[in-house]
N, C-alpha and C. Protein backbone atom coordinates (compact mmCIF):
# COMPACT_ATOMS: atom_id res chain seq x y z
N UNK A 1 -18.43 36.45 3.02
CA UNK A 1 -17.39 36.70 1.93
C UNK A 1 -15.97 35.93 2.55
N UNK A 2 -15.25 35.36 1.73
CA UNK A 2 -14.59 34.38 1.86
C UNK A 2 -13.00 35.31 2.34
N UNK A 3 -12.26 34.72 3.35
CA UNK A 3 -11.03 35.43 3.58
C UNK A 3 -10.05 34.87 2.71
N UNK A 4 -8.59 35.60 3.06
CA UNK A 4 -7.65 35.40 2.17
C UNK A 4 -7.03 34.02 2.20
N UNK A 5 -7.56 33.28 3.25
CA UNK A 5 -6.93 31.81 3.39
C UNK A 5 -8.13 31.00 3.34
N UNK A 6 -9.06 31.34 2.35
CA UNK A 6 -9.91 30.34 1.91
C UNK A 6 -10.43 30.32 0.60
N UNK A 7 -11.18 29.60 -0.36
CA UNK A 7 -11.24 29.81 -1.58
C UNK A 7 -13.18 29.36 -1.61
N UNK A 8 -13.48 29.85 -2.87
CA UNK A 8 -15.11 29.74 -2.77
C UNK A 8 -15.15 28.52 -3.73
N UNK A 9 -16.19 28.07 -3.84
CA UNK A 9 -16.42 26.87 -4.83
C UNK A 9 -16.32 27.03 -6.48
N UNK A 10 -16.55 28.27 -6.77
CA UNK A 10 -16.28 28.92 -8.11
C UNK A 10 -14.81 28.94 -8.39
N UNK A 11 -13.71 29.19 -7.45
CA UNK A 11 -12.69 29.60 -7.57
C UNK A 11 -12.12 27.93 -7.67
N UNK A 12 -12.51 27.00 -6.78
CA UNK A 12 -12.06 25.66 -6.79
C UNK A 12 -12.22 24.88 -8.23
N UNK A 13 -13.78 25.22 -8.67
CA UNK A 13 -13.90 24.64 -9.91
C UNK A 13 -13.07 25.09 -10.98
N UNK A 14 -12.66 26.53 -10.99
CA UNK A 14 -11.79 27.10 -12.07
C UNK A 14 -10.43 26.53 -12.03
N UNK A 15 -10.01 26.17 -10.91
CA UNK A 15 -8.50 25.88 -10.89
C UNK A 15 -8.19 24.85 -9.61
N UNK A 16 -8.81 23.86 -9.94
CA UNK A 16 -8.70 22.78 -9.10
C UNK A 16 -7.23 22.11 -8.93
N UNK A 17 -6.68 21.98 -9.92
CA UNK A 17 -5.20 21.51 -9.88
C UNK A 17 -4.44 22.38 -9.06
N UNK A 18 -4.66 23.49 -9.20
CA UNK A 18 -3.68 24.84 -8.65
C UNK A 18 -4.15 24.56 -6.85
N UNK A 19 -5.25 24.32 -6.69
CA UNK A 19 -5.56 24.39 -5.05
C UNK A 19 -5.39 23.03 -4.31
N UNK A 20 -5.62 22.06 -5.21
CA UNK A 20 -5.23 20.62 -4.60
C UNK A 20 -3.82 20.59 -4.66
N UNK A 21 -3.00 20.94 -5.09
CA UNK A 21 -1.43 21.32 -5.02
C UNK A 21 -1.21 21.89 -3.81
N UNK A 22 -1.90 23.15 -3.74
CA UNK A 22 -1.64 24.01 -2.89
C UNK A 22 -1.84 23.59 -1.43
N UNK A 23 -2.78 22.84 -1.24
CA UNK A 23 -3.38 22.05 -0.15
C UNK A 23 -2.45 21.44 0.18
N UNK A 24 -2.02 20.34 -0.45
CA UNK A 24 -1.28 19.07 -0.25
C UNK A 24 0.42 19.77 0.07
N UNK A 25 0.59 21.11 -0.26
CA UNK A 25 1.93 21.74 0.14
C UNK A 25 1.84 22.29 1.94
N UNK A 26 0.61 22.63 1.74
CA UNK A 26 0.22 23.32 2.94
C UNK A 26 0.36 22.45 4.40
N UNK A 27 0.13 23.68 5.53
CA UNK A 27 0.13 22.73 6.73
C UNK A 27 -0.90 22.94 7.53
N UNK A 28 -2.02 23.48 6.99
CA UNK A 28 -3.29 23.43 7.34
C UNK A 28 -4.49 23.65 6.38
N UNK A 29 -5.83 22.95 6.77
CA UNK A 29 -6.74 22.82 6.06
C UNK A 29 -6.91 24.33 4.87
N UNK A 30 -7.28 23.95 3.82
CA UNK A 30 -8.04 25.05 3.11
C UNK A 30 -9.41 25.09 2.80
N UNK A 31 -10.12 25.83 3.56
CA UNK A 31 -11.47 25.97 3.64
C UNK A 31 -11.92 26.23 2.34
N UNK A 32 -13.07 25.54 1.85
CA UNK A 32 -13.98 26.18 0.48
C UNK A 32 -15.31 26.68 1.35
N UNK A 33 -15.56 27.64 0.57
CA UNK A 33 -16.70 28.36 1.06
C UNK A 33 -17.84 28.53 0.00
N UNK A 34 -18.92 28.77 0.36
CA UNK A 34 -19.94 28.61 -0.49
C UNK A 34 -21.16 29.72 -0.01
N UNK A 35 -21.18 30.80 -0.55
CA UNK A 35 -21.94 32.09 -0.17
C UNK A 35 -21.50 32.19 1.28
N UNK A 36 -20.20 32.46 1.43
CA UNK A 36 -19.70 32.88 2.57
C UNK A 36 -19.23 31.90 3.78
N UNK A 37 -20.09 30.80 3.57
CA UNK A 37 -20.15 29.66 4.55
C UNK A 37 -19.44 28.37 4.22
N UNK A 38 -18.16 28.10 5.10
CA UNK A 38 -17.24 27.00 4.96
C UNK A 38 -17.95 25.84 4.69
N UNK A 39 -18.25 25.01 3.57
CA UNK A 39 -19.03 23.92 3.03
C UNK A 39 -18.00 22.82 3.11
N UNK A 40 -16.46 22.83 3.01
CA UNK A 40 -15.71 21.77 2.79
C UNK A 40 -14.31 22.43 3.13
N UNK A 41 -13.30 21.30 3.06
CA UNK A 41 -12.08 21.57 3.44
C UNK A 41 -11.02 21.00 2.68
N UNK A 42 -10.04 21.62 1.88
CA UNK A 42 -8.86 20.36 1.22
C UNK A 42 -7.94 20.48 2.48
N UNK A 43 -7.80 19.23 2.72
CA UNK A 43 -6.78 18.95 3.81
C UNK A 43 -5.55 17.96 3.35
N UNK A 44 -4.38 18.80 3.72
CA UNK A 44 -3.26 17.85 3.44
C UNK A 44 -3.02 16.53 3.99
N UNK A 45 -2.60 15.57 3.50
CA UNK A 45 -2.43 14.12 3.74
C UNK A 45 -1.76 13.79 5.19
N UNK A 46 -0.80 14.71 5.53
CA UNK A 46 -0.10 14.54 6.90
C UNK A 46 -1.29 15.23 8.00
N UNK A 47 -2.37 15.61 7.78
CA UNK A 47 -3.29 16.16 8.89
C UNK A 47 -4.48 15.14 8.86
N UNK A 48 -4.36 14.15 7.74
CA UNK A 48 -5.56 13.26 7.95
C UNK A 48 -5.27 12.07 9.18
N UNK A 49 -6.09 11.56 9.81
CA UNK A 49 -5.95 10.39 10.80
C UNK A 49 -5.70 9.21 9.89
N UNK A 50 -4.53 8.32 10.47
CA UNK A 50 -4.43 7.22 10.06
C UNK A 50 -5.57 6.10 9.82
N UNK A 51 -5.86 5.65 8.54
CA UNK A 51 -6.95 4.36 8.71
C UNK A 51 -6.69 3.25 9.13
N UNK A 52 -7.43 2.75 10.00
CA UNK A 52 -7.41 1.56 10.65
C UNK A 52 -8.78 0.70 10.13
N UNK A 53 -8.14 -0.35 9.85
CA UNK A 53 -9.33 -1.28 9.29
C UNK A 53 -9.74 -2.25 10.42
N UNK A 54 -11.14 -2.36 10.30
CA UNK A 54 -11.69 -3.23 11.56
C UNK A 54 -12.15 -4.67 10.85
N UNK A 55 -11.24 -5.63 11.01
CA UNK A 55 -11.42 -6.84 10.63
C UNK A 55 -12.15 -7.61 11.04
N UNK A 56 -13.28 -8.30 10.62
CA UNK A 56 -14.28 -9.33 11.33
C UNK A 56 -14.12 -10.71 10.61
N UNK A 57 -14.11 -11.87 11.17
CA UNK A 57 -14.32 -12.99 10.76
C UNK A 57 -15.70 -13.24 10.52
N UNK A 58 -16.08 -13.74 9.50
CA UNK A 58 -17.33 -14.20 9.09
C UNK A 58 -17.80 -15.53 9.82
N UNK A 59 -19.07 -15.93 10.66
CA UNK A 59 -19.36 -16.88 11.16
C UNK A 59 -18.85 -18.34 10.22
N UNK A 60 -19.13 -18.21 9.10
CA UNK A 60 -18.74 -19.37 8.07
C UNK A 60 -17.19 -19.50 8.08
N UNK A 61 -16.59 -18.58 8.12
CA UNK A 61 -14.89 -18.83 8.04
C UNK A 61 -14.33 -19.17 9.65
N UNK A 62 -15.04 -18.44 10.45
CA UNK A 62 -14.62 -19.05 12.07
C UNK A 62 -14.99 -20.75 12.08
N UNK A 63 -16.07 -21.27 11.75
CA UNK A 63 -16.17 -22.53 11.56
C UNK A 63 -15.40 -23.59 11.05
N UNK A 64 -14.74 -23.02 9.72
CA UNK A 64 -13.82 -23.65 8.99
C UNK A 64 -12.46 -23.44 9.70
N UNK A 65 -12.16 -22.31 10.21
CA UNK A 65 -10.93 -22.35 11.00
C UNK A 65 -10.71 -23.08 12.28
N UNK A 66 -11.94 -23.38 12.64
CA UNK A 66 -11.88 -24.13 14.01
C UNK A 66 -11.76 -25.45 13.55
N UNK A 67 -12.01 -26.11 12.63
CA UNK A 67 -11.91 -27.24 12.07
C UNK A 67 -10.76 -27.76 11.34
N UNK A 68 -10.06 -26.74 11.10
CA UNK A 68 -8.84 -26.50 10.37
C UNK A 68 -7.60 -27.25 11.17
N UNK A 69 -6.71 -28.12 10.40
CA UNK A 69 -5.73 -28.90 10.91
C UNK A 69 -4.74 -27.98 11.03
N UNK A 70 -3.80 -27.51 11.94
CA UNK A 70 -2.76 -26.88 12.05
C UNK A 70 -1.76 -27.51 12.08
N UNK A 71 -0.57 -26.97 11.38
CA UNK A 71 0.70 -27.48 11.52
C UNK A 71 1.72 -26.57 11.66
N UNK A 72 3.10 -26.89 12.12
CA UNK A 72 3.97 -25.96 12.41
C UNK A 72 4.66 -25.69 10.73
N UNK A 73 4.54 -26.33 9.74
CA UNK A 73 5.29 -26.12 8.67
C UNK A 73 4.51 -25.66 7.50
N UNK A 74 4.73 -24.74 6.99
CA UNK A 74 4.18 -23.93 5.94
C UNK A 74 4.17 -25.36 4.53
N UNK A 75 5.11 -25.67 4.52
CA UNK A 75 5.18 -26.67 3.29
C UNK A 75 4.21 -27.94 3.75
N UNK A 76 3.80 -28.25 4.94
CA UNK A 76 3.11 -29.16 5.43
C UNK A 76 1.52 -28.83 5.05
N UNK A 77 1.42 -27.56 5.18
CA UNK A 77 -0.04 -26.86 4.89
C UNK A 77 -0.24 -26.58 3.42
N UNK A 78 1.01 -26.31 2.52
CA UNK A 78 0.74 -26.32 1.20
C UNK A 78 0.44 -27.85 0.56
N UNK A 79 1.24 -28.48 1.16
CA UNK A 79 0.87 -29.99 0.68
C UNK A 79 -0.62 -30.42 0.93
N UNK A 80 -0.96 -30.41 2.22
CA UNK A 80 -2.48 -30.57 2.41
C UNK A 80 -3.33 -29.80 1.43
N UNK A 81 -3.14 -28.47 1.06
CA UNK A 81 -4.05 -27.89 0.10
C UNK A 81 -4.03 -28.41 -1.38
N UNK A 82 -2.74 -28.68 -1.51
CA UNK A 82 -2.62 -29.23 -3.14
C UNK A 82 -3.09 -30.54 -3.27
N UNK A 83 -3.07 -31.38 -2.03
CA UNK A 83 -3.52 -32.76 -2.05
C UNK A 83 -2.32 -33.48 -3.39
N UNK A 84 -3.25 -34.24 -4.23
CA UNK A 84 -2.67 -34.90 -5.09
C UNK A 84 -2.04 -34.25 -6.41
N UNK A 85 -2.49 -32.96 -6.22
CA UNK A 85 -1.52 -32.24 -7.39
C UNK A 85 0.09 -31.89 -6.85
N UNK A 86 0.30 -32.42 -5.68
CA UNK A 86 1.54 -32.05 -5.44
C UNK A 86 2.93 -32.43 -6.13
N UNK A 87 3.73 -31.81 -6.39
CA UNK A 87 4.80 -32.11 -7.17
C UNK A 87 6.19 -32.29 -6.63
N UNK A 88 6.78 -33.26 -6.91
CA UNK A 88 8.23 -33.82 -6.30
C UNK A 88 8.85 -33.66 -7.05
N UNK A 89 9.56 -32.19 -6.74
CA UNK A 89 10.68 -31.91 -7.87
C UNK A 89 12.08 -32.03 -7.00
N UNK A 90 12.75 -32.76 -7.87
CA UNK A 90 14.25 -32.92 -7.33
C UNK A 90 15.17 -31.76 -7.86
N UNK A 91 15.67 -30.96 -6.85
CA UNK A 91 16.40 -29.76 -7.16
C UNK A 91 17.62 -30.13 -8.04
N UNK A 92 18.07 -31.23 -7.94
CA UNK A 92 19.40 -31.48 -9.08
C UNK A 92 18.85 -31.83 -10.29
N UNK A 93 17.41 -32.46 -10.80
CA UNK A 93 16.84 -32.47 -12.20
C UNK A 93 16.75 -31.34 -12.84
N UNK A 94 16.34 -29.90 -12.02
CA UNK A 94 16.02 -29.02 -12.69
C UNK A 94 17.12 -28.10 -13.38
N UNK A 95 17.08 -27.77 -14.48
CA UNK A 95 17.85 -27.34 -15.08
C UNK A 95 17.98 -25.85 -15.60
């Protein structure tokens, strides 16, 4: 049987929005039970561990990066990428 600090799946199904808001305001997980056994929990966001993404460079990308010409200027890098599409704009002539 569920305690007064837990909810059943049927209660969650009937009043999902209410229980999700309640869990979000809470300081502890809100257990969800099925036939008296805890099967899940609604947890406030502040109790969730921060997610850390593991970033991996693909072998193909690593080869390209190894061959890349590196400059100290972002503008030089942009010019290299743009190639002949580079625009020379005179700031005075722009209205």
